[in-house]
C-alpha atoms as a PDB file:
ATOM      1  CA  MET A   1      -0.024  -0.090   0.022  1.00  0.00           C
ATOM      2  CA  LEU A   2       2.822   2.394   0.866  1.00  0.00           C
ATOM      3  CA  LYS A   3       4.469   1.716  -2.495  1.00  0.00           C
ATOM      4  CA  LEU A   4       1.315   2.546  -4.437  1.00  0.00           C
ATOM      5  CA  ARG A   5       1.026   5.829  -2.529  1.00  0.00           C
ATOM      6  CA  PHE A   6       4.641   6.664  -3.408  1.00  0.00           C
ATOM      7  CA  LEU A   7       3.862   5.968  -7.031  1.00  0.00           C
ATOM      8  CA  LEU A   8       0.886   8.429  -7.067  1.00  0.00           C
ATOM      9  CA  LEU A   9       3.175  11.209  -5.467  1.00  0.00           C
ATOM     10  CA  LEU A  10       5.939  10.399  -7.872  1.00  0.00           C
ATOM     11  CA  ALA A  11       4.312  12.190 -10.881  1.00  0.00           C
ATOM     12  CA  SER A  12       3.532  15.244  -8.797  1.00  0.00           C
ATOM     13  CA  LEU A  13       7.211  15.509  -7.564  1.00  0.00           C
ATOM     14  CA  LEU A  14       8.545  15.295 -11.142  1.00  0.00           C
ATOM     15  CA  ALA A  15       6.194  17.926 -12.273  1.00  0.00           C
ATOM     16  CA  ALA A  16       7.920  20.244 -10.018  1.00  0.00           C
ATOM     17  CA  PHE A  17      11.154  18.719 -10.209  1.00  0.00           C
ATOM     18  CA  PRO A  18      13.517  21.835 -10.704  1.00  0.00           C
ATOM     19  CA  SER A  19      12.270  23.297  -7.345  1.00  0.00           C
ATOM     20  CA  ALA A  20      12.928  19.878  -5.921  1.00  0.00           C
ATOM     21  CA  LEU A  21      16.552  20.083  -6.516  1.00  0.00           C
ATOM     22  CA  ALA A  22      16.877  22.793  -3.787  1.00  0.00           C
ATOM     23  CA  LEU A  23      17.871  20.296  -1.172  1.00  0.00           C
ATOM     24  CA  PHE A  24      17.743  22.633   1.827  1.00  0.00           C
ATOM     25  CA  GLU A  25      16.226  25.806   2.732  1.00  0.00           C
ATOM     26  CA  ASP A  26      19.387  27.954   2.223  1.00  0.00           C
ATOM     27  CA  GLU A  27      19.745  26.673  -1.192  1.00  0.00           C
ATOM     28  CA  ALA A  28      16.505  27.983  -2.326  1.00  0.00           C
ATOM     29  CA  GLY A  29      16.827  30.108  -5.552  1.00  0.00           C
ATOM     30  CA  LYS A  30      20.390  29.207  -6.279  1.00  0.00           C
ATOM     31  CA  TYR A  31      19.399  26.908  -9.222  1.00  0.00           C
ATOM     32  CA  GLU A  32      17.524  29.558 -11.092  1.00  0.00           C
ATOM     33  CA  ARG A  33      20.492  30.750 -13.190  1.00  0.00           C
ATOM     34  CA  SER A  34      21.413  27.172 -14.198  1.00  0.00           C
ATOM     35  CA  ILE A  35      17.792  26.337 -14.954  1.00  0.00           C
ATOM     36  CA  ARG A  36      17.541  29.476 -17.301  1.00  0.00           C
ATOM     37  CA  THR A  37      20.687  28.369 -19.045  1.00  0.00           C
ATOM     38  CA  VAL A  38      19.956  24.499 -19.358  1.00  0.00           C
ATOM     39  CA  GLY A  39      16.313  24.806 -19.677  1.00  0.00           C
ATOM     40  CA  PRO A  40      13.504  22.843 -17.934  1.00  0.00           C
ATOM     41  CA  PHE A  41      14.969  19.872 -16.582  1.00  0.00           C
ATOM     42  CA  SER A  42      13.616  16.416 -18.054  1.00  0.00           C
ATOM     43  CA  HIS A  43      16.255  14.183 -16.487  1.00  0.00           C
ATOM     44  CA  ALA A  44      18.505  14.129 -13.322  1.00  0.00           C
ATOM     45  CA  LEU A  45      20.600  11.882 -11.484  1.00  0.00           C
ATOM     46  CA  TRP A  46      23.345  11.998  -8.644  1.00  0.00           C
ATOM     47  CA  LEU A  47      26.928  11.410  -9.054  1.00  0.00           C
ATOM     48  CA  THR A  48      29.348  10.718  -6.290  1.00  0.00           C
ATOM     49  CA  GLU A  49      33.092  10.174  -6.899  1.00  0.00           C
ATOM     50  CA  GLY A  50      34.837   9.951  -3.300  1.00  0.00           C
ATOM     51  CA  ASN A  51      34.010  13.328  -1.628  1.00  0.00           C
ATOM     52  CA  ASP A  52      32.935  14.894  -4.719  1.00  0.00           C
ATOM     53  CA  ARG A  53      29.188  15.221  -5.689  1.00  0.00           C
ATOM     54  CA  ALA A  54      27.330  16.549  -8.771  1.00  0.00           C
ATOM     55  CA  ILE A  55      24.023  16.551 -10.156  1.00  0.00           C
ATOM     56  CA  VAL A  56      23.848  15.726 -13.843  1.00  0.00           C
ATOM     57  CA  VAL A  57      20.732  17.345 -15.542  1.00  0.00           C
ATOM     58  CA  ALA A  58      19.346  17.125 -19.019  1.00  0.00           C
ATOM     59  CA  SER A  59      16.758  19.048 -20.716  1.00  0.00           C
ATOM     60  CA  GLN A  60      14.861  17.690 -23.950  1.00  0.00           C
ATOM     61  CA  GLN A  61      13.530  21.201 -24.682  1.00  0.00           C
ATOM     62  CA  THR A  62      17.201  22.608 -25.137  1.00  0.00           C
ATOM     63  CA  ARG A  63      19.039  19.250 -25.926  1.00  0.00           C
ATOM     64  CA  THR A  64      21.332  20.259 -23.099  1.00  0.00           C
ATOM     65  CA  ILE A  65      23.007  17.972 -20.664  1.00  0.00           C
ATOM     66  CA  ALA A  66      24.993  19.490 -17.642  1.00  0.00           C
ATOM     67  CA  SER A  67      26.817  18.700 -14.326  1.00  0.00           C
ATOM     68  CA  LEU A  68      26.149  21.021 -11.512  1.00  0.00           C
ATOM     69  CA  LYS A  69      27.499  21.593  -8.085  1.00  0.00           C
ATOM     70  CA  PRO A  70      24.837  20.653  -5.672  1.00  0.00           C
ATOM     71  CA  LYS A  71      25.367  23.598  -3.251  1.00  0.00           C
ATOM     72  CA  SER A  72      25.546  26.455  -5.643  1.00  0.00           C
ATOM     73  CA  GLY A  73      24.241  25.280  -8.845  1.00  0.00           C
ATOM     74  CA  ASP A  74      27.378  26.288 -10.735  1.00  0.00           C
ATOM     75  CA  PHE A  75      28.404  24.112 -13.683  1.00  0.00           C
ATOM     76  CA  PHE A  76      31.322  21.707 -13.725  1.00  0.00           C
ATOM     77  CA  TRP A  77      30.517  21.155 -17.443  1.00  0.00           C
ATOM     78  CA  ARG A  78      27.702  21.617 -20.112  1.00  0.00           C
ATOM     79  CA  ARG A  79      27.159  19.980 -23.430  1.00  0.00           C
ATOM     80  CA  LEU A  80      24.596  20.509 -26.265  1.00  0.00           C
ATOM     81  CA  LEU A  81      23.362  17.741 -28.460  1.00  0.00           C
ATOM     82  CA  PRO A  82      23.086  18.251 -32.149  1.00  0.00           C
ATOM     83  CA  GLN A  83      20.085  20.068 -33.734  1.00  0.00           C
ATOM     84  CA  GLY A  84      17.035  17.908 -34.097  1.00  0.00           C
ATOM     85  CA  GLU A  85      17.740  15.515 -30.997  1.00  0.00           C
ATOM     86  CA  ARG A  86      15.819  14.772 -28.037  1.00  0.00           C
ATOM     87  CA  ILE A  87      17.260  13.356 -24.862  1.00  0.00           C
ATOM     88  CA  ALA A  88      15.131  10.352 -24.098  1.00  0.00           C
ATOM     89  CA  HIS A  89      17.260   8.544 -20.945  1.00  0.00           C
ATOM     90  CA  ILE A  90      20.416   9.367 -18.958  1.00  0.00           C
ATOM     91  CA  SER A  91      22.009   6.916 -16.869  1.00  0.00           C
ATOM     92  CA  LYS A  92      25.329   6.507 -14.755  1.00  0.00           C
ATOM     93  CA  ALA A  93      27.885   3.692 -14.337  1.00  0.00           C
ATOM     94  CA  GLY A  94      31.324   4.105 -12.867  1.00  0.00           C
ATOM     95  CA  GLU A  95      32.963   6.826 -14.567  1.00  0.00           C
ATOM     96  CA  LEU A  96      30.556   7.179 -17.237  1.00  0.00           C
ATOM     97  CA  VAL A  97      27.402   8.823 -18.015  1.00  0.00           C
ATOM     98  CA  PHE A  98      25.252   7.254 -20.892  1.00  0.00           C
ATOM     99  CA  VAL A  99      22.844   9.389 -23.050  1.00  0.00           C
ATOM    100  CA  LEU A 100      20.205   8.118 -25.182  1.00  0.00           C
ATOM    101  CA  SER A 101      18.614  10.468 -27.615  1.00  0.00           C
ATOM    102  CA  HIS A 102      16.008  10.386 -30.470  1.00  0.00           C
ATOM    103  CA  SER A 103      16.309  12.353 -33.631  1.00  0.00           C
ATOM    104  CA  ASP A 104      13.529  13.984 -35.804  1.00  0.00           C
ATOM    105  CA  SER A 105      14.082  11.185 -38.353  1.00  0.00           C
ATOM    106  CA  GLY A 106      13.459   8.447 -35.645  1.00  0.00           C
ATOM    107  CA  SER A 107      16.892   7.100 -35.199  1.00  0.00           C
ATOM    108  CA  VAL A 108      18.329   6.584 -32.025  1.00  0.00           C
ATOM    109  CA  THR A 109      21.805   7.527 -30.682  1.00  0.00           C
ATOM    110  CA  LEU A 110      23.819   6.087 -27.584  1.00  0.00           C
ATOM    111  CA  ARG A 111      26.498   8.220 -26.262  1.00  0.00           C
ATOM    112  CA  ALA A 112      29.008   7.679 -23.470  1.00  0.00           C
ATOM    113  CA  MET A 113      30.705  10.601 -21.695  1.00  0.00           C
ATOM    114  CA  LEU A 114      33.099  10.899 -18.754  1.00  0.00           C
ATOM    115  CA  SER A 115      31.259  12.167 -15.656  1.00  0.00           C
ATOM    116  CA  ALA A 116      34.024  14.122 -14.592  1.00  0.00           C
ATOM    117  CA  SER A 117      34.641  16.368 -17.678  1.00  0.00           C
ATOM    118  CA  GLY A 118      31.585  15.893 -19.893  1.00  0.00           C
ATOM    119  CA  VAL A 119      34.059  14.415 -22.832  1.00  0.00           C
ATOM    120  CA  PHE A 120      32.198  12.274 -25.066  1.00  0.00           C
ATOM    121  CA  VAL A 121      34.141   9.066 -25.499  1.00  0.00           C
ATOM    122  CA  ASN A 122      31.925   6.992 -27.829  1.00  0.00           C
ATOM    123  CA  GLU A 123      28.766   7.299 -29.897  1.00  0.00           C
ATOM    124  CA  VAL A 124      26.514   4.583 -31.433  1.00  0.00           C
ATOM    125  CA  HIS A 125      23.773   5.093 -34.001  1.00  0.00           C
ATOM    126  CA  ILE A 126      20.930   2.688 -33.778  1.00  0.00           C
ATOM    127  CA  ASN A 127      17.996   2.125 -36.292  1.00  0.00           C
ATOM    128  CA  SER A 128      14.636   3.669 -35.377  1.00  0.00           C
ATOM    129  CA  CYS A 129      12.978   1.984 -32.504  1.00  0.00           C
ATOM    130  CA  SER A 130      10.399   2.694 -29.730  1.00  0.00           C
ATOM    131  CA  VAL A 131      12.963   3.015 -26.812  1.00  0.00           C
ATOM    132  CA  VAL A 132      11.931   1.446 -23.518  1.00  0.00           C
ATOM    133  CA  ALA A 133      15.171   1.637 -21.264  1.00  0.00           C
ATOM    134  CA  LEU A 134      18.814   2.334 -21.049  1.00  0.00           C
ATOM    135  CA  LEU A 135      20.635  -0.437 -19.270  1.00  0.00           C
ATOM    136  CA  PRO A 136      24.208   0.050 -18.221  1.00  0.00           C
ATOM    137  CA  PHE A 137      26.090  -2.866 -17.033  1.00  0.00           C
ATOM    138  CA  ALA A 138      29.684  -4.071 -16.087  1.00  0.00           C
ATOM    139  CA  CYS A 139      31.882  -5.710 -18.711  1.00  0.00           C
ATOM    140  CA  ASP A 140      35.557  -6.321 -18.910  1.00  0.00           C
ATOM    141  CA  SER A 141      36.156  -4.372 -15.669  1.00  0.00           C
ATOM    142  CA  LYS A 142      34.611  -1.189 -17.438  1.00  0.00           C
ATOM    143  CA  HIS A 143      30.931  -0.344 -18.240  1.00  0.00           C
ATOM    144  CA  CYS A 144      28.793  -1.011 -21.235  1.00  0.00           C
ATOM    145  CA  ALA A 145      25.251  -0.313 -22.079  1.00  0.00           C
ATOM    146  CA  ALA A 146      22.353  -1.959 -23.666  1.00  0.00           C
ATOM    147  CA  VAL A 147      19.312  -0.328 -25.238  1.00  0.00           C
ATOM    148  CA  ALA A 148      15.847  -2.035 -24.805  1.00  0.00           C
ATOM    149  CA  CYS A 149      13.383  -1.026 -27.540  1.00  0.00           C
ATOM    150  CA  SER A 150       9.763  -2.440 -27.835  1.00  0.00           C
ATOM    151  CA  ASP A 151      11.108  -4.948 -30.317  1.00  0.00           C
ATOM    152  CA  GLY A 152      14.324  -6.093 -28.941  1.00  0.00           C
ATOM    153  CA  VAL A 153      17.613  -5.430 -26.892  1.00  0.00           C
ATOM    154  CA  SER A 154      20.941  -4.372 -28.169  1.00  0.00           C
ATOM    155  CA  ALA A 155      24.008  -4.225 -26.205  1.00  0.00           C
ATOM    156  CA  PHE A 156      27.230  -2.288 -27.005  1.00  0.00           C
ATOM    157  CA  GLY A 157      30.808  -2.531 -25.775  1.00  0.00           C
ATOM    158  CA  THR A 158      33.407   0.016 -24.362  1.00  0.00           C
ATOM    159  CA  LYS A 159      34.206   1.191 -27.793  1.00  0.00           C
ATOM    160  CA  GLY A 160      30.793   1.231 -29.308  1.00  0.00           C
ATOM    161  CA  GLN A 161      30.881  -2.250 -30.916  1.00  0.00           C
ATOM    162  CA  LEU A 162      27.797  -4.433 -31.045  1.00  0.00           C
ATOM    163  CA  LEU A 163      27.908  -7.141 -28.484  1.00  0.00           C
ATOM    164  CA  PHE A 164      24.528  -8.756 -29.204  1.00  0.00           C
ATOM    165  CA  ARG A 165      21.103  -8.189 -30.386  1.00  0.00           C
ATOM    166  CA  HIS A 166      17.998 -10.028 -29.431  1.00  0.00           C
ATOM    167  CA  GLY A 167      14.597  -9.612 -31.167  1.00  0.00           C
ATOM    168  CA  ILE A 168      11.928  -9.712 -28.373  1.00  0.00           C
ATOM    169  CA  SER A 169       8.333  -8.535 -29.182  1.00  0.00           C
ATOM    170  CA  ASN A 170       6.365  -6.252 -26.958  1.00  0.00           C
ATOM    171  CA  ILE A 171       8.912  -5.129 -24.436  1.00  0.00           C
ATOM    172  CA  ALA A 172       7.084  -2.626 -22.365  1.00  0.00           C
ATOM    173  CA  ALA A 173       9.606  -2.063 -19.301  1.00  0.00           C
ATOM    174  CA  ALA A 174      13.138  -3.429 -18.241  1.00  0.00           C
ATOM    175  CA  PHE A 175      15.067  -3.123 -14.929  1.00  0.00           C
ATOM    176  CA  VAL A 176      18.845  -4.106 -14.654  1.00  0.00           C
ATOM    177  CA  GLU A 177      20.189  -5.340 -11.323  1.00  0.00           C
ATOM    178  CA  SER A 178      23.592  -3.437 -11.041  1.00  0.00           C
ATOM    179  CA  ALA A 179      25.379  -5.983  -8.954  1.00  0.00           C
ATOM    180  CA  SER A 180      24.676  -9.038 -11.228  1.00  0.00           C
ATOM    181  CA  SER A 181      24.152  -7.265 -14.544  1.00  0.00           C
ATOM    182  CA  VAL A 182      21.089  -9.342 -15.145  1.00  0.00           C
ATOM    183  CA  ALA A 183      18.069  -7.513 -16.685  1.00  0.00           C
ATOM    184  CA  THR A 184      14.518  -8.310 -16.339  1.00  0.00           C
ATOM    185  CA  LEU A 185      12.376  -7.624 -19.277  1.00  0.00           C
ATOM    186  CA  PHE A 186       8.771  -7.344 -18.929  1.00  0.00           C
ATOM    187  CA  THR A 187       6.478  -7.941 -22.186  1.00  0.00           C
ATOM    188  CA  VAL A 188       2.904  -6.733 -22.368  1.00  0.00           C
ATOM    189  CA  ASN A 189       0.518  -7.540 -24.973  1.00  0.00           C
ATOM    190  CA  GLN A 190      -3.275  -6.876 -25.138  1.00  0.00           C
ATOM    191  CA  SER A 191      -3.988  -9.824 -22.777  1.00  0.00           C
ATOM    192  CA  HIS A 192      -0.935 -11.147 -20.822  1.00  0.00           C
ATOM    193  CA  VAL A 193       2.027  -9.862 -18.893  1.00  0.00           C
ATOM    194  CA  SER A 194       5.227 -12.085 -19.199  1.00  0.00           C
ATOM    195  CA  ALA A 195       8.762 -11.576 -17.791  1.00  0.00           C
ATOM    196  CA  MET A 196      12.124 -12.989 -18.875  1.00  0.00           C
ATOM    197  CA  SER A 197      15.701 -12.465 -17.748  1.00  0.00           C
ATOM    198  CA  LEU A 198      18.808 -11.361 -19.848  1.00  0.00           C
ATOM    199  CA  ASN A 199      22.354 -11.788 -18.672  1.00  0.00           C
ATOM    200  CA  LEU A 200      23.966  -8.455 -20.235  1.00  0.00           C
ATOM    201  CA  PRO A 201      27.564  -9.279 -20.205  1.00  0.00           C
ATOM    202  CA  SER A 202      27.187 -12.782 -22.007  1.00  0.00           C
ATOM    203  CA  GLY A 203      23.914 -12.098 -23.688  1.00  0.00           C
ATOM    204  CA  ALA A 204      22.266 -15.392 -22.336  1.00  0.00           C
ATOM    205  CA  SER A 205      18.599 -15.131 -21.836  1.00  0.00           C
ATOM    206  CA  SER A 206      15.930 -17.319 -20.147  1.00  0.00           C
ATOM    207  CA  PRO A 207      12.669 -17.163 -22.365  1.00  0.00           C
ATOM    208  CA  PRO A 208       9.480 -16.800 -20.230  1.00  0.00           C
ATOM    209  CA  ARG A 209       7.593 -20.008 -19.320  1.00  0.00           C
ATOM    210  CA  ALA A 210       4.143 -20.522 -19.535  1.00  0.00           C
ATOM    211  CA  GLU A 211       3.434 -20.345 -15.956  1.00  0.00           C
ATOM    212  CA  GLU A 212       5.348 -17.015 -15.869  1.00  0.00           C
ATOM    213  CA  SER A 213       2.537 -15.352 -17.828  1.00  0.00           C
ATOM    214  CA  THR A 214      -0.393 -13.644 -16.171  1.00  0.00           C
ATOM    215  CA  GLU A 215      -3.596 -12.962 -18.140  1.00  0.00           C
ATOM    216  CA  VAL A 216      -4.967  -9.287 -17.532  1.00  0.00           C
ATOM    217  CA  PRO A 217      -7.647  -7.107 -18.845  1.00  0.00           C
ATOM    218  CA  LYS A 218      -7.234  -5.291 -21.915  1.00  0.00           C
ATOM    219  CA  GLY A 219      -5.726  -1.907 -21.306  1.00  0.00           C
ATOM    220  CA  ALA A 220      -4.636  -2.957 -17.581  1.00  0.00           C
ATOM    221  CA  CYS A 221      -1.192  -1.937 -18.443  1.00  0.00           C
ATOM    222  CA  SER A 222      -1.653   1.084 -20.420  1.00  0.00           C
ATOM    223  CA  GLN A 223       0.652   2.957 -18.058  1.00  0.00           C
ATOM    224  CA  TYR A 224       3.289   1.543 -16.042  1.00  0.00           C
ATOM    225  CA  VAL A 225       6.437   1.939 -14.230  1.00  0.00           C
ATOM    226  CA  VAL A 226       9.204  -0.560 -13.076  1.00  0.00           C
ATOM    227  CA  GLY A 227      11.236  -0.701 -10.026  1.00  0.00           C
ATOM    228  CA  SER A 228      12.929  -3.064  -7.659  1.00  0.00           C
ATOM    229  CA  GLU A 229      12.841  -4.200  -3.919  1.00  0.00           C
ATOM    230  CA  GLY A 230      14.641  -6.815  -2.176  1.00  0.00           C
ATOM    231  CA  GLY A 231      16.545  -7.659  -5.204  1.00  0.00           C
ATOM    232  CA  ALA A 232      13.363  -8.502  -7.472  1.00  0.00           C
ATOM    233  CA  ALA A 233      12.147  -6.392 -10.191  1.00  0.00           C
ATOM    234  CA  TYR A 234       8.429  -5.297 -10.155  1.00  0.00           C
ATOM    235  CA  LEU A 235       6.115  -3.759 -12.864  1.00  0.00           C
ATOM    236  CA  HIS A 236       3.607  -1.560 -11.516  1.00  0.00           C
ATOM    237  CA  CYS A 237       0.411  -1.201 -13.993  1.00  0.00           C
ATOM    238  CA  PHE A 238      -2.187   1.373 -14.064  1.00  0.00           C
ATOM    239  CA  HIS A 239      -5.395   1.093 -15.819  1.00  0.00           C
ATOM    240  CA  PRO A 240      -6.706   4.673 -16.590  1.00  0.00           C
ATOM    241  CA  VAL A 241     -10.283   3.513 -17.454  1.00  0.00           C
ATOM    242  CA  THR A 242     -10.938   1.740 -14.251  1.00  0.00           C
ATOM    243  CA  SER A 243      -8.328   3.711 -12.157  1.00  0.00           C
ATOM    244  CA  THR A 244      -6.907   0.523 -10.747  1.00  0.00           C
ATOM    245  CA  PHE A 245      -3.279  -0.619  -9.984  1.00  0.00           C
ATOM    246  CA  ARG A 246      -1.529  -3.972 -10.492  1.00  0.00           C
ATOM    247  CA  VAL A 247       1.748  -5.075  -9.440  1.00  0.00           C
ATOM    248  CA  PHE A 248       3.749  -7.956 -11.028  1.00  0.00           C
ATOM    249  CA  SER A 249       6.907  -9.503  -9.813  1.00  0.00           C
ATOM    250  CA  SER A 250       9.913 -10.590 -12.077  1.00  0.00           C
ATOM    251  CA  LYS A 251       8.306 -13.814 -12.447  1.00  0.00           C
ATOM    252  CA  ALA A 252       5.190 -11.916 -14.025  1.00  0.00           C
ATOM    253  CA  ALA A 253       3.142 -13.232 -11.110  1.00  0.00           C
ATOM    254  CA  LEU A 254       0.368 -10.716  -9.990  1.00  0.00           C
ATOM    255  CA  VAL A 255       1.494 -10.086  -6.237  1.00  0.00           C
ATOM    256  CA  ARG A 256      -0.966  -7.106  -5.921  1.00  0.00           C
ATOM    257  CA  GLY A 257      -4.086  -5.723  -7.092  1.00  0.00           C
ATOM    258  CA  PRO A 258      -6.324  -4.911  -8.852  1.00  0.00           C
ATOM    259  CA  VAL A 259      -6.432  -2.067  -6.245  1.00  0.00           C
ATOM    260  CA  SER A 260      -8.404   1.137  -6.952  1.00  0.00           C
ATOM    261  CA  VAL A 261      -6.893   4.593  -6.610  1.00  0.00           C
ATOM    262  CA  SER A 262      -9.886   5.646  -4.584  1.00  0.00           C
ATOM    263  CA  SER A 263      -9.374   2.995  -1.876  1.00  0.00           C
ATOM    264  CA  ILE A 264      -5.685   4.186  -1.742  1.00  0.00           C
ATOM    265  CA  ASN A 265      -6.799   7.785  -1.188  1.00  0.00           C
ATOM    266  CA  GLU A 266      -9.169   6.796   1.583  1.00  0.00           C
ATOM    267  CA  ALA A 267      -6.475   4.742   3.342  1.00  0.00           C
ATOM    268  CA  ALA A 268      -4.149   7.826   3.172  1.00  0.00           C
ATOM    269  CA  CYS A 269      -6.706  10.043   4.744  1.00  0.00           C
END
């Protein structure tokens, strides 16, 4: 129940994200100049290297990605993506920040950049796809990244070389466990939710078994978010017509729901 309440609050927090970056009362207003320069934040993540901390932010509107000092909002570095690109995802892994962007033509570009300096170290162009997730993982004592699209997963090495590609239909959400570099892929069609695991360093996959598929009403996963708890991945589905939540585990088993939003609000009150 607490997890569902958290999901309801998450959207409102993201809507007010720039103001949420002021972590303490005495920091209020210090990000105004950076916000005006970068543009409305669409993505953000924390970086911690020893005692050094930074906030990496990105703006779809201005095609800008920047690293900010947490206390002052001053820039460590700032980079601008080419005209016509829109930032879709950013993620960190070790000394790298991975940036996934769409172009107006529909192509997708994966870039790796050094978190300390913002220097781009490699760039990979991917055929047009409906991007689901960006999945960094450890490989050869360094860090690589996989891109999950609705029709499959492609993984790329430290020099941007293709490691593998698996064609998988109807991928709706994906989550990678950083310690093991094993990704859970949730597939959703009109009537079923299924899950499979994919070892990103090796490319080995375990296809979903019949018992790891759950029948759901049409539209039950029209909106969804993925997360983890206790080492397991979970898919949280929302049905906008009936205003109900369902939660599925990494085995695609229904572990909670359907729960109505009205009952959550009543419990919160």
